[in-house]
Amino acid sequence: MLGTGATIGQVCQRLGVSEPTFHRQYGGMKGSDAKRLKELEQENARLKKLVANQALDMEILKEAAQGNW
């Protein structure tokens, strides 16, 4: 949005965040860096979910192998 000529205030208003939050989150980053950060955060969340599901599956298999079902 900043690349299209919008001010930081306008961007914050569109995003629904305060300017201090915007600067804390994206201060000093270029638009492409902020986009990459967002992509990495989404990928990280996806991977955490996968690991949690895998750990749950492993726990279920352990219990089944011990006959505690």
N, C-alpha and C. Protein backbone atom coordinates (compact mmCIF):
# COMPACT_ATOMS: atom_id res chain seq x y z
N MET A 1 0.82 -1.19 0.00
CA MET A 1 0.00 0.00 0.00
C MET A 1 0.87 1.25 0.00
N LEU A 2 1.98 1.17 0.73
CA LEU A 2 2.86 2.33 0.76
C LEU A 2 3.44 2.60 -0.62
N GLY A 3 3.64 1.55 -1.40
CA GLY A 3 4.19 1.70 -2.75
C GLY A 3 3.25 2.42 -3.69
N THR A 4 1.97 2.46 -3.36
CA THR A 4 1.00 3.13 -4.21
C THR A 4 0.83 4.59 -3.85
N GLY A 5 1.60 5.05 -2.87
CA GLY A 5 1.54 6.46 -2.48
C GLY A 5 0.73 6.75 -1.24
N ALA A 6 0.19 5.72 -0.61
CA ALA A 6 -0.58 5.92 0.62
C ALA A 6 0.37 6.29 1.76
N THR A 7 -0.12 7.06 2.69
CA THR A 7 0.69 7.42 3.85
C THR A 7 0.61 6.30 4.87
N ILE A 8 1.53 6.35 5.84
CA ILE A 8 1.52 5.33 6.90
C ILE A 8 0.21 5.39 7.66
N GLY A 9 -0.29 6.58 7.90
CA GLY A 9 -1.57 6.73 8.60
C GLY A 9 -2.71 6.07 7.84
N GLN A 10 -2.74 6.24 6.53
CA GLN A 10 -3.79 5.63 5.72
C GLN A 10 -3.67 4.11 5.73
N VAL A 11 -2.45 3.61 5.64
CA VAL A 11 -2.23 2.17 5.67
C VAL A 11 -2.69 1.60 7.00
N CYS A 12 -2.32 2.27 8.09
CA CYS A 12 -2.73 1.80 9.43
C CYS A 12 -4.23 1.77 9.55
N GLN A 13 -4.87 2.78 9.03
CA GLN A 13 -6.33 2.84 9.09
C GLN A 13 -6.94 1.68 8.31
N ARG A 14 -6.41 1.37 7.13
CA ARG A 14 -6.92 0.25 6.33
C ARG A 14 -6.68 -1.09 7.03
N LEU A 15 -5.53 -1.21 7.70
CA LEU A 15 -5.19 -2.46 8.38
C LEU A 15 -5.88 -2.58 9.74
N GLY A 16 -6.33 -1.46 10.27
CA GLY A 16 -6.98 -1.47 11.57
C GLY A 16 -6.01 -1.59 12.73
N VAL A 17 -4.80 -1.01 12.56
CA VAL A 17 -3.79 -1.01 13.62
C VAL A 17 -3.33 0.42 13.88
N SER A 18 -2.75 0.63 15.05
CA SER A 18 -2.24 1.95 15.37
C SER A 18 -0.87 2.14 14.71
N GLU A 19 -0.45 3.38 14.57
CA GLU A 19 0.86 3.65 13.98
C GLU A 19 2.00 3.07 14.80
N PRO A 20 1.97 3.15 16.15
CA PRO A 20 3.05 2.51 16.91
C PRO A 20 3.14 1.00 16.67
N THR A 21 1.98 0.35 16.56
CA THR A 21 1.98 -1.08 16.26
C THR A 21 2.58 -1.34 14.89
N PHE A 22 2.21 -0.53 13.93
CA PHE A 22 2.75 -0.66 12.58
C PHE A 22 4.27 -0.54 12.59
N HIS A 23 4.78 0.47 13.28
CA HIS A 23 6.23 0.68 13.33
C HIS A 23 6.94 -0.43 14.11
N ARG A 24 6.31 -0.92 15.15
CA ARG A 24 6.89 -2.02 15.92
C ARG A 24 6.97 -3.28 15.06
N GLN A 25 5.95 -3.52 14.26
CA GLN A 25 5.88 -4.72 13.45
C GLN A 25 6.72 -4.61 12.18
N TYR A 26 6.64 -3.46 11.51
CA TYR A 26 7.24 -3.35 10.18
C TYR A 26 8.28 -2.24 10.06
N GLY A 27 8.63 -1.61 11.15
CA GLY A 27 9.56 -0.49 11.10
C GLY A 27 10.87 -0.83 10.41
N GLY A 28 11.26 -0.05 9.44
CA GLY A 28 12.52 -0.24 8.74
C GLY A 28 12.49 -1.29 7.65
N MET A 29 11.36 -1.94 7.44
CA MET A 29 11.27 -2.97 6.41
C MET A 29 10.77 -2.37 5.10
N LYS A 30 11.24 -2.94 4.02
CA LYS A 30 10.69 -2.60 2.71
C LYS A 30 9.41 -3.41 2.54
N GLY A 31 8.60 -3.03 1.58
CA GLY A 31 7.35 -3.74 1.34
C GLY A 31 7.56 -5.21 1.06
N SER A 32 8.58 -5.53 0.28
CA SER A 32 8.84 -6.93 -0.06
C SER A 32 9.27 -7.72 1.18
N ASP A 33 10.01 -7.05 2.08
CA ASP A 33 10.42 -7.72 3.33
C ASP A 33 9.21 -8.01 4.20
N ALA A 34 8.30 -7.06 4.30
CA ALA A 34 7.10 -7.24 5.11
C ALA A 34 6.24 -8.36 4.53
N LYS A 35 6.15 -8.42 3.21
CA LYS A 35 5.37 -9.47 2.57
C LYS A 35 6.00 -10.83 2.85
N ARG A 36 7.32 -10.91 2.75
CA ARG A 36 8.02 -12.16 3.02
C ARG A 36 7.84 -12.58 4.48
N LEU A 37 7.88 -11.61 5.41
CA LEU A 37 7.66 -11.90 6.82
C LEU A 37 6.29 -12.52 7.02
N LYS A 38 5.29 -11.96 6.39
CA LYS A 38 3.93 -12.47 6.52
C LYS A 38 3.84 -13.90 5.97
N GLU A 39 4.49 -14.15 4.83
CA GLU A 39 4.49 -15.49 4.25
C GLU A 39 5.17 -16.49 5.20
N LEU A 40 6.28 -16.07 5.80
CA LEU A 40 7.00 -16.95 6.72
C LEU A 40 6.19 -17.22 7.98
N GLU A 41 5.47 -16.23 8.46
CA GLU A 41 4.62 -16.42 9.63
C GLU A 41 3.52 -17.43 9.33
N GLN A 42 2.93 -17.35 8.14
CA GLN A 42 1.89 -18.29 7.75
C GLN A 42 2.46 -19.71 7.61
N GLU A 43 3.63 -19.82 7.00
CA GLU A 43 4.28 -21.12 6.85
C GLU A 43 4.63 -21.70 8.21
N ASN A 44 5.11 -20.87 9.11
CA ASN A 44 5.46 -21.31 10.46
C ASN A 44 4.22 -21.85 11.18
N ALA A 45 3.11 -21.16 11.06
CA ALA A 45 1.87 -21.62 11.69
C ALA A 45 1.43 -22.96 11.10
N ARG A 46 1.56 -23.12 9.79
CA ARG A 46 1.19 -24.37 9.13
C ARG A 46 2.08 -25.51 9.63
N LEU A 47 3.38 -25.26 9.74
CA LEU A 47 4.31 -26.29 10.19
C LEU A 47 4.09 -26.66 11.65
N LYS A 48 3.78 -25.67 12.49
CA LYS A 48 3.49 -25.96 13.89
C LYS A 48 2.27 -26.86 14.01
N LYS A 49 1.27 -26.62 13.18
CA LYS A 49 0.07 -27.45 13.20
C LYS A 49 0.41 -28.87 12.77
N LEU A 50 1.25 -29.01 11.74
CA LEU A 50 1.67 -30.33 11.29
C LEU A 50 2.41 -31.09 12.38
N VAL A 51 3.31 -30.41 13.07
CA VAL A 51 4.08 -31.05 14.14
C VAL A 51 3.16 -31.47 15.28
N ALA A 52 2.21 -30.62 15.62
CA ALA A 52 1.27 -30.96 16.70
C ALA A 52 0.45 -32.19 16.32
N ASN A 53 -0.01 -32.23 15.08
CA ASN A 53 -0.80 -33.39 14.63
C ASN A 53 0.05 -34.66 14.61
N GLN A 54 1.29 -34.53 14.19
CA GLN A 54 2.18 -35.68 14.16
C GLN A 54 2.47 -36.19 15.57
N ALA A 55 2.70 -35.28 16.50
CA ALA A 55 2.95 -35.68 17.89
C ALA A 55 1.73 -36.39 18.46
N LEU A 56 0.55 -35.91 18.14
CA LEU A 56 -0.68 -36.55 18.60
C LEU A 56 -0.81 -37.96 18.01
N ASP A 57 -0.53 -38.08 16.72
CA ASP A 57 -0.57 -39.40 16.08
C ASP A 57 0.41 -40.36 16.73
N MET A 58 1.61 -39.88 17.03
CA MET A 58 2.61 -40.73 17.67
C MET A 58 2.15 -41.18 19.06
N GLU A 59 1.52 -40.30 19.79
CA GLU A 59 1.02 -40.64 21.12
C GLU A 59 -0.08 -41.69 21.03
N ILE A 60 -0.94 -41.54 20.06
CA ILE A 60 -2.02 -42.52 19.86
C ILE A 60 -1.42 -43.88 19.53
N LEU A 61 -0.43 -43.90 18.65
CA LEU A 61 0.21 -45.17 18.28
C LEU A 61 0.92 -45.81 19.46
N LYS A 62 1.55 -45.01 20.31
CA LYS A 62 2.21 -45.55 21.51
C LYS A 62 1.20 -46.22 22.42
N GLU A 63 0.07 -45.55 22.64
CA GLU A 63 -0.96 -46.11 23.51
C GLU A 63 -1.54 -47.39 22.91
N ALA A 64 -1.72 -47.40 21.60
CA ALA A 64 -2.27 -48.59 20.95
C ALA A 64 -1.29 -49.74 21.05
N ALA A 65 -0.01 -49.46 20.91
CA ALA A 65 1.01 -50.52 20.99
C ALA A 65 1.10 -51.10 22.38
N GLN A 66 0.82 -50.29 23.40
CA GLN A 66 0.88 -50.76 24.78
C GLN A 66 -0.41 -51.45 25.19
N GLY A 67 -1.42 -51.35 24.38
CA GLY A 67 -2.70 -51.98 24.68
C GLY A 67 -3.54 -51.19 25.65
N ASN A 68 -3.30 -49.88 25.75
CA ASN A 68 -4.07 -49.01 26.66
C ASN A 68 -5.25 -48.36 25.95
N TRP A 69 -5.97 -49.11 25.19
CA TRP A 69 -7.12 -48.56 24.49
C TRP A 69 -8.30 -49.36 24.81
